[in-house]
Amino acid sequence: MSGIVAHGLQKFTSFKPNFSVTFMSVVTTKRFTIVQYHRLAKLGFFREDKRVELIRGEII
């Protein structure tokens, strides 16, 4: 058997699990208020040479 020894444990490179794993992720969009948007602009989060808009709470 070929393997790699790391920290005293042997990890076999020929190991293949007989099950599958499915990962699901949930994406949540952050909505900004006009006050938050203006604060971010004041703090310099947006480049002056790029057009940025607040549409329905999303910065685009």
Protein backbone atom coordinates (compact mmCIF):
# COMPACT_ATOMS: atom_id res chain seq x y z
CA MET A 1 0.00 0.00 0.00
CA SER A 2 1.30 3.38 -0.90
CA GLY A 3 0.70 6.20 1.51
CA ILE A 4 1.93 9.42 3.03
CA VAL A 5 3.04 9.62 6.65
CA ALA A 6 2.13 12.86 8.40
CA HIS A 7 2.28 13.47 12.15
CA GLY A 8 2.66 9.76 12.84
CA LEU A 9 -0.51 8.83 10.94
CA GLN A 10 -0.57 7.08 7.62
CA LYS A 11 -2.91 8.47 4.99
CA PHE A 12 -3.60 6.01 2.20
CA THR A 13 -3.79 7.57 -1.24
CA SER A 14 -5.91 4.71 -2.57
CA PHE A 15 -8.80 5.35 -0.13
CA LYS A 16 -12.14 5.91 -1.88
CA PRO A 17 -15.26 6.39 0.23
CA ASN A 18 -18.36 4.43 -0.78
CA PHE A 19 -20.72 7.37 -0.18
CA SER A 20 -21.20 10.84 -1.57
CA VAL A 21 -21.53 14.09 0.30
CA THR A 22 -23.59 17.00 -0.95
CA PHE A 23 -23.03 20.46 0.44
CA MET A 24 -25.64 23.16 0.20
CA SER A 25 -24.93 26.78 0.85
CA VAL A 26 -27.37 29.58 1.45
CA VAL A 27 -26.53 33.01 0.13
CA THR A 28 -28.08 35.97 1.90
CA THR A 29 -27.94 39.36 0.24
CA LYS A 30 -27.07 42.28 2.50
CA ARG A 31 -29.49 45.17 2.01
CA PHE A 32 -28.23 48.65 2.80
CA THR A 33 -30.18 51.69 3.89
CA ILE A 34 -29.57 55.09 2.29
CA VAL A 35 -27.89 56.20 5.55
CA GLN A 36 -25.50 53.22 5.43
CA TYR A 37 -24.81 53.84 1.74
CA HIS A 38 -23.88 57.48 2.37
CA ARG A 39 -21.71 56.47 5.33
CA LEU A 40 -19.80 53.96 3.18
CA ALA A 41 -19.28 56.65 0.54
CA LYS A 42 -18.04 59.11 3.18
CA LEU A 43 -15.61 56.50 4.52
CA GLY A 44 -14.15 55.98 1.03
CA PHE A 45 -15.44 52.50 0.24
CA PHE A 46 -16.30 53.49 -3.34
CA ARG A 47 -13.82 54.65 -5.95
CA GLU A 48 -14.58 58.04 -7.43
CA ASP A 49 -13.88 56.82 -10.97
CA LYS A 50 -16.47 54.00 -10.71
CA ARG A 51 -20.22 54.42 -10.94
CA VAL A 52 -22.01 53.05 -7.86
CA GLU A 53 -25.74 53.04 -7.16
CA LEU A 54 -28.05 51.89 -4.39
CA ILE A 55 -31.00 50.05 -5.94
CA ARG A 56 -33.55 48.35 -3.68
CA GLY A 57 -30.94 48.11 -0.93
CA GLU A 58 -28.26 46.56 -3.14
CA ILE A 59 -25.07 48.41 -4.02
CA ILE A 60 -24.53 48.00 -7.73
